[in-house]
C-alpha atoms as a PDB file:
ATOM      1  CA  UNK A   1       0.004  -0.094  -0.031  1.00  0.00           C
ATOM      2  CA  UNK A   2       1.369   3.394  -0.986  1.00  0.00           C
ATOM      3  CA  UNK A   3       1.781   5.987   1.723  1.00  0.00           C
ATOM      4  CA  UNK A   4       0.620   9.574   1.290  1.00  0.00           C
ATOM      5  CA  UNK A   5       4.169  10.671   0.981  1.00  0.00           C
ATOM      6  CA  UNK A   6       4.802   8.031  -1.879  1.00  0.00           C
ATOM      7  CA  UNK A   7       1.733   9.302  -3.627  1.00  0.00           C
ATOM      8  CA  UNK A   8       2.837  12.869  -3.519  1.00  0.00           C
ATOM      9  CA  UNK A   9       6.298  11.938  -4.721  1.00  0.00           C
ATOM     10  CA  UNK A  10       4.856   9.995  -7.581  1.00  0.00           C
ATOM     11  CA  UNK A  11       2.603  12.905  -8.412  1.00  0.00           C
ATOM     12  CA  UNK A  12       5.448  15.435  -8.317  1.00  0.00           C
ATOM     13  CA  UNK A  13       7.535  12.947 -10.503  1.00  0.00           C
ATOM     14  CA  UNK A  14       4.800  13.030 -13.189  1.00  0.00           C
ATOM     15  CA  UNK A  15       4.836  16.994 -13.082  1.00  0.00           C
ATOM     16  CA  UNK A  16       8.688  16.803 -13.516  1.00  0.00           C
ATOM     17  CA  UNK A  17       8.453  14.648 -16.458  1.00  0.00           C
ATOM     18  CA  UNK A  18       5.987  16.980 -18.000  1.00  0.00           C
ATOM     19  CA  UNK A  19       8.447  20.009 -17.319  1.00  0.00           C
ATOM     20  CA  UNK A  20      11.313  17.896 -19.012  1.00  0.00           C
ATOM     21  CA  UNK A  21       9.047  16.946 -22.001  1.00  0.00           C
ATOM     22  CA  UNK A  22       7.879  20.762 -22.403  1.00  0.00           C
ATOM     23  CA  UNK A  23      11.118  22.705 -21.421  1.00  0.00           C
ATOM     24  CA  UNK A  24      13.951  20.127 -22.081  1.00  0.00           C
ATOM     25  CA  UNK A  25      16.854  19.033 -19.869  1.00  0.00           C
ATOM     26  CA  UNK A  26      16.870  22.115 -17.700  1.00  0.00           C
ATOM     27  CA  UNK A  27      14.558  20.231 -15.264  1.00  0.00           C
ATOM     28  CA  UNK A  28      16.174  16.799 -15.784  1.00  0.00           C
ATOM     29  CA  UNK A  29      18.051  16.963 -12.541  1.00  0.00           C
ATOM     30  CA  UNK A  30      14.951  17.442 -10.657  1.00  0.00           C
ATOM     31  CA  UNK A  31      13.273  14.463 -12.553  1.00  0.00           C
ATOM     32  CA  UNK A  32      16.158  12.178 -11.714  1.00  0.00           C
ATOM     33  CA  UNK A  33      16.252  13.037  -8.115  1.00  0.00           C
ATOM     34  CA  UNK A  34      12.460  12.519  -7.697  1.00  0.00           C
ATOM     35  CA  UNK A  35      12.835   9.228  -9.582  1.00  0.00           C
ATOM     36  CA  UNK A  36      15.547   8.099  -7.275  1.00  0.00           C
ATOM     37  CA  UNK A  37      13.488   8.994  -4.320  1.00  0.00           C
ATOM     38  CA  UNK A  38      10.437   6.874  -5.715  1.00  0.00           C
ATOM     39  CA  UNK A  39      12.781   3.934  -6.450  1.00  0.00           C
ATOM     40  CA  UNK A  40      14.281   4.067  -2.977  1.00  0.00           C
ATOM     41  CA  UNK A  41      10.651   4.066  -1.484  1.00  0.00           C
ATOM     42  CA  UNK A  42       9.723   1.056  -3.535  1.00  0.00           C
ATOM     43  CA  UNK A  43      12.962  -0.776  -2.422  1.00  0.00           C
ATOM     44  CA  UNK A  44      12.269  -0.043   1.106  1.00  0.00           C
ATOM     45  CA  UNK A  45       8.614  -1.192   0.808  1.00  0.00           C
ATOM     46  CA  UNK A  46       9.628  -4.294  -0.887  1.00  0.00           C
ATOM     47  CA  UNK A  47      12.212  -4.968   1.906  1.00  0.00           C
ATOM     48  CA  UNK A  48       9.578  -4.304   4.421  1.00  0.00           C
ATOM     49  CA  UNK A  49       6.924  -6.723   2.980  1.00  0.00           C
ATOM     50  CA  UNK A  50       9.735  -9.445   2.596  1.00  0.00           C
ATOM     51  CA  UNK A  51      10.712  -8.955   6.229  1.00  0.00           C
ATOM     52  CA  UNK A  52       7.219  -9.059   7.530  1.00  0.00           C
ATOM     53  CA  UNK A  53       6.419 -12.335   5.398  1.00  0.00           C
ATOM     54  CA  UNK A  54       9.579 -13.973   6.810  1.00  0.00           C
ATOM     55  CA  UNK A  55       8.677 -13.019  10.418  1.00  0.00           C
ATOM     56  CA  UNK A  56       5.200 -14.362   9.961  1.00  0.00           C
ATOM     57  CA  UNK A  57       6.556 -17.593   8.388  1.00  0.00           C
ATOM     58  CA  UNK A  58       8.868 -18.046  11.390  1.00  0.00           C
ATOM     59  CA  UNK A  59       6.122 -17.239  13.866  1.00  0.00           C
ATOM     60  CA  UNK A  60       3.820 -19.731  12.157  1.00  0.00           C
ATOM     61  CA  UNK A  61       6.540 -22.412  12.160  1.00  0.00           C
ATOM     62  CA  UNK A  62       7.209 -21.780  15.870  1.00  0.00           C
ATOM     63  CA  UNK A  63       3.579 -22.003  17.154  1.00  0.00           C
ATOM     64  CA  UNK A  64       3.148 -25.784  16.807  1.00  0.00           C
ATOM     65  CA  UNK A  65       6.583 -26.398  18.511  1.00  0.00           C
ATOM     66  CA  UNK A  66       5.477 -24.312  21.581  1.00  0.00           C
ATOM     67  CA  UNK A  67       2.246 -26.279  21.866  1.00  0.00           C
ATOM     68  CA  UNK A  68       4.131 -29.646  21.659  1.00  0.00           C
ATOM     69  CA  UNK A  69       6.574 -28.401  24.260  1.00  0.00           C
ATOM     70  CA  UNK A  70       3.963 -27.058  26.619  1.00  0.00           C
ATOM     71  CA  UNK A  71       2.022 -30.331  26.519  1.00  0.00           C
ATOM     72  CA  UNK A  72       5.127 -32.269  27.198  1.00  0.00           C
ATOM     73  CA  UNK A  73       6.009 -30.131  30.241  1.00  0.00           C
ATOM     74  CA  UNK A  74       2.576 -30.734  31.805  1.00  0.00           C
ATOM     75  CA  UNK A  75       2.767 -34.505  31.604  1.00  0.00           C
ATOM     76  CA  UNK A  76       3.942 -36.052  34.948  1.00  0.00           C
ATOM     77  CA  UNK A  77       7.388 -37.856  34.638  1.00  0.00           C
ATOM     78  CA  UNK A  78       5.768 -41.100  35.483  1.00  0.00           C
ATOM     79  CA  UNK A  79       3.116 -41.017  32.822  1.00  0.00           C
ATOM     80  CA  UNK A  80       3.736 -42.968  29.633  1.00  0.00           C
ATOM     81  CA  UNK A  81       4.227 -40.827  26.361  1.00  0.00           C
ATOM     82  CA  UNK A  82       1.080 -39.999  24.627  1.00  0.00           C
ATOM     83  CA  UNK A  83       0.531 -41.375  21.229  1.00  0.00           C
END
């Protein structure tokens, strides 16, 4: 999901592109800078999504193990193992 900041940068990038198209390379440095900022935001958003997905996967894998350990710790030492 795009943040308001990212939406504003994209809109401004579109405006800079129109300035370059209309007036030439005088506005090209502005366009390049805005384009870099948008790419950096996309890169960070992608990394954040990957990190969250990995954290969720690890949490999901860890939950069943916790349940098994907690059941085993509640069983008396003299009780036979459950099937």
